[in-house]
Structures are given as structure tokens and as C-alpha cells.
C-alpha atoms as a PDB file:
ATOM      1  CA  UNK A   1      32.674   8.527  10.677  1.00  0.00           C
ATOM      2  CA  UNK A   2      30.122   8.618   7.886  1.00  0.00           C
ATOM      3  CA  UNK A   3      26.349   8.202   7.670  1.00  0.00           C
ATOM      4  CA  UNK A   4      26.599   4.408   7.568  1.00  0.00           C
ATOM      5  CA  UNK A   5      28.620   4.403  10.812  1.00  0.00           C
ATOM      6  CA  UNK A   6      26.042   6.694  12.439  1.00  0.00           C
ATOM      7  CA  UNK A   7      23.186   4.416  11.348  1.00  0.00           C
ATOM      8  CA  UNK A   8      25.107   1.384  12.606  1.00  0.00           C
ATOM      9  CA  UNK A   9      25.688   3.024  15.992  1.00  0.00           C
ATOM     10  CA  UNK A  10      22.009   4.012  16.141  1.00  0.00           C
ATOM     11  CA  UNK A  11      20.969   0.388  15.636  1.00  0.00           C
ATOM     12  CA  UNK A  12      23.447  -0.809  18.268  1.00  0.00           C
ATOM     13  CA  UNK A  13      22.165   1.786  20.738  1.00  0.00           C
ATOM     14  CA  UNK A  14      18.685   0.354  20.305  1.00  0.00           C
ATOM     15  CA  UNK A  15      19.883  -3.233  20.734  1.00  0.00           C
ATOM     16  CA  UNK A  16      23.602  -4.003  21.018  1.00  0.00           C
ATOM     17  CA  UNK A  17      22.852  -7.720  20.595  1.00  0.00           C
ATOM     18  CA  UNK A  18      21.499  -7.433  17.066  1.00  0.00           C
ATOM     19  CA  UNK A  19      23.126 -10.036  14.812  1.00  0.00           C
ATOM     20  CA  UNK A  20      25.431  -8.646  12.136  1.00  0.00           C
ATOM     21  CA  UNK A  21      23.220 -10.245   9.475  1.00  0.00           C
ATOM     22  CA  UNK A  22      20.157  -8.351  10.753  1.00  0.00           C
ATOM     23  CA  UNK A  23      22.085  -5.079  10.835  1.00  0.00           C
ATOM     24  CA  UNK A  24      23.373  -5.743   7.322  1.00  0.00           C
ATOM     25  CA  UNK A  25      19.846  -6.338   5.992  1.00  0.00           C
ATOM     26  CA  UNK A  26      18.584  -3.184   7.692  1.00  0.00           C
ATOM     27  CA  UNK A  27      21.432  -1.065   6.334  1.00  0.00           C
ATOM     28  CA  UNK A  28      21.464  -2.857   2.966  1.00  0.00           C
ATOM     29  CA  UNK A  29      25.138  -3.729   3.107  1.00  0.00           C
ATOM     30  CA  UNK A  30      27.110  -6.971   3.360  1.00  0.00           C
ATOM     31  CA  UNK A  31      27.490  -8.705   6.723  1.00  0.00           C
ATOM     32  CA  UNK A  32      31.268  -8.397   6.357  1.00  0.00           C
ATOM     33  CA  UNK A  33      30.903  -4.626   5.988  1.00  0.00           C
ATOM     34  CA  UNK A  34      29.010  -4.478   9.283  1.00  0.00           C
ATOM     35  CA  UNK A  35      31.586  -6.647  11.057  1.00  0.00           C
ATOM     36  CA  UNK A  36      34.494  -4.614   9.667  1.00  0.00           C
ATOM     37  CA  UNK A  37      32.904  -1.303  10.606  1.00  0.00           C
ATOM     38  CA  UNK A  38      32.107  -2.469  14.142  1.00  0.00           C
ATOM     39  CA  UNK A  39      35.696  -3.678  14.532  1.00  0.00           C
ATOM     40  CA  UNK A  40      37.031  -0.328  13.236  1.00  0.00           C
ATOM     41  CA  UNK A  41      34.713   1.676  15.517  1.00  0.00           C
ATOM     42  CA  UNK A  42      35.893  -0.401  18.481  1.00  0.00           C
ATOM     43  CA  UNK A  43      39.557  -0.051  17.476  1.00  0.00           C
ATOM     44  CA  UNK A  44      39.205   3.727  17.002  1.00  0.00           C
ATOM     45  CA  UNK A  45      37.607   4.049  20.441  1.00  0.00           C
ATOM     46  CA  UNK A  46      34.221   5.191  19.154  1.00  0.00           C
ATOM     47  CA  UNK A  47      32.593   2.084  20.631  1.00  0.00           C
ATOM     48  CA  UNK A  48      34.078   1.463  24.069  1.00  0.00           C
ATOM     49  CA  UNK A  49      31.721  -1.211  25.332  1.00  0.00           C
ATOM     50  CA  UNK A  50      28.299  -2.752  25.381  1.00  0.00           C
ATOM     51  CA  UNK A  51      25.798  -2.792  28.199  1.00  0.00           C
ATOM     52  CA  UNK A  52      22.540  -4.270  29.422  1.00  0.00           C
ATOM     53  CA  UNK A  53      19.396  -2.156  29.813  1.00  0.00           C
ATOM     54  CA  UNK A  54      17.033  -3.346  32.516  1.00  0.00           C
ATOM     55  CA  UNK A  55      13.288  -2.842  32.594  1.00  0.00           C
ATOM     56  CA  UNK A  56      12.220   0.195  34.564  1.00  0.00           C
ATOM     57  CA  UNK A  57      11.508  -0.552  38.223  1.00  0.00           C
ATOM     58  CA  UNK A  58       7.866  -0.387  39.210  1.00  0.00           C
ATOM     59  CA  UNK A  59       8.261   2.969  40.977  1.00  0.00           C
ATOM     60  CA  UNK A  60       9.725   4.491  37.799  1.00  0.00           C
ATOM     61  CA  UNK A  61       6.270   4.142  36.255  1.00  0.00           C
ATOM     62  CA  UNK A  62       4.870   6.523  38.836  1.00  0.00           C
ATOM     63  CA  UNK A  63       4.074  10.133  37.985  1.00  0.00           C
ATOM     64  CA  UNK A  64       7.012  12.476  38.516  1.00  0.00           C
ATOM     65  CA  UNK A  65       6.705  16.238  38.762  1.00  0.00           C
ATOM     66  CA  UNK A  66       9.084  19.099  39.405  1.00  0.00           C
ATOM     67  CA  UNK A  67       7.864  22.129  41.275  1.00  0.00           C
ATOM     68  CA  UNK A  68       9.618  25.409  41.964  1.00  0.00           C
ATOM     69  CA  UNK A  69       9.119  26.912  45.412  1.00  0.00           C
ATOM     70  CA  UNK A  70       9.696  30.484  46.507  1.00  0.00           C
ATOM     71  CA  UNK A  71      10.196  30.916  50.255  1.00  0.00           C
ATOM     72  CA  UNK A  72       9.424  34.146  52.090  1.00  0.00           C
ATOM     73  CA  UNK A  73      12.118  35.472  54.367  1.00  0.00           C
ATOM     74  CA  UNK A  74      14.881  33.331  55.774  1.00  0.00           C
ATOM     75  CA  UNK A  75      12.827  30.149  56.139  1.00  0.00           C
ATOM     76  CA  UNK A  76      14.440  27.900  53.507  1.00  0.00           C
ATOM     77  CA  UNK A  77      15.875  25.415  56.047  1.00  0.00           C
ATOM     78  CA  UNK A  78      12.527  25.163  57.852  1.00  0.00           C
ATOM     79  CA  UNK A  79      10.723  24.474  54.557  1.00  0.00           C
ATOM     80  CA  UNK A  80      13.361  21.913  53.523  1.00  0.00           C
ATOM     81  CA  UNK A  81      12.964  20.047  56.849  1.00  0.00           C
ATOM     82  CA  UNK A  82       9.219  19.950  56.353  1.00  0.00           C
ATOM     83  CA  UNK A  83       9.484  18.711  52.769  1.00  0.00           C
ATOM     84  CA  UNK A  84      12.027  16.009  53.698  1.00  0.00           C
ATOM     85  CA  UNK A  85       9.363  14.460  55.928  1.00  0.00           C
ATOM     86  CA  UNK A  86       6.911  14.027  53.042  1.00  0.00           C
ATOM     87  CA  UNK A  87       6.996  10.573  51.393  1.00  0.00           C
ATOM     88  CA  UNK A  88       6.011  11.989  47.991  1.00  0.00           C
ATOM     89  CA  UNK A  89       9.148  14.176  47.830  1.00  0.00           C
ATOM     90  CA  UNK A  90      11.918  12.179  46.151  1.00  0.00           C
ATOM     91  CA  UNK A  91      14.546  14.942  45.765  1.00  0.00           C
ATOM     92  CA  UNK A  92      15.139  18.525  46.845  1.00  0.00           C
ATOM     93  CA  UNK A  93      17.485  21.073  45.296  1.00  0.00           C
ATOM     94  CA  UNK A  94      18.252  24.596  46.440  1.00  0.00           C
ATOM     95  CA  UNK A  95      18.863  27.296  43.879  1.00  0.00           C
ATOM     96  CA  UNK A  96      19.491  31.008  43.484  1.00  0.00           C
ATOM     97  CA  UNK A  97      17.226  33.440  41.748  1.00  0.00           C
ATOM     98  CA  UNK A  98      13.454  33.621  41.578  1.00  0.00           C
ATOM     99  CA  UNK A  99      12.947  30.146  43.105  1.00  0.00           C
ATOM    100  CA  UNK A 100      14.564  28.956  46.320  1.00  0.00           C
ATOM    101  CA  UNK A 101      13.806  25.228  46.092  1.00  0.00           C
ATOM    102  CA  UNK A 102      13.131  22.714  43.322  1.00  0.00           C
ATOM    103  CA  UNK A 103      11.229  19.693  44.600  1.00  0.00           C
ATOM    104  CA  UNK A 104      10.883  16.412  42.715  1.00  0.00           C
ATOM    105  CA  UNK A 105       7.607  14.744  43.583  1.00  0.00           C
ATOM    106  CA  UNK A 106       6.459  11.186  42.854  1.00  0.00           C
ATOM    107  CA  UNK A 107       2.984   9.759  43.197  1.00  0.00           C
ATOM    108  CA  UNK A 108       0.908   6.844  41.934  1.00  0.00           C
END
């Protein structure tokens, strides 16, 4: 894989439906070069498929924050139960070390 292949893959990552002619103009190579390179990248297993990217759901545009929580004593389960009841908590993770819980919060 050379720089041209990397640039080609970068363009396809941005929009896998770009016409070969558009890619060729962008990369300043012949359309046949683009088609041949895509075919080779597919054949070599570098490109294994193409996909569709959907617009972010409305709640993905909300503010997301991560907060680390230290719990005194042996009260982690009690704190977790309390946090699970809060609608703004979207995920909870327990950890070892300085922090006992990592909470993912979402709000408008």
C-alpha cells in the first residue's frame, strides 16, 4: 500500500459512494487507475465492504459527560442503585484504583 492507496481509502472513508471520476480528479490520476486500485484493495482484503452512515439520533446531540466517583467505605452497590434510578445517567462502570465508579451522564 502506498500513499495513493491511503489517500484513496481516506476519500472512501469519507464517502464510499464517490464516483471513480470524482476520486480520480481529486487524486489527479486516471479513472482507470482508481478503479484498478479499488479492485486490487478489495482483492487483497484491504477493503472488505462498504457501509451506510446514518445521521446521529436526536439524543446523540445532547451533552455527554463522564464523571469519576470515589465511594467511602463499602457502599458501592448502594451508590450504584441510586445512580441507576437517575434518568440522566446513561451508563455506569465500576473500576479499581482511585475511583470506584465512572458515570456517563447525558443532558439537554
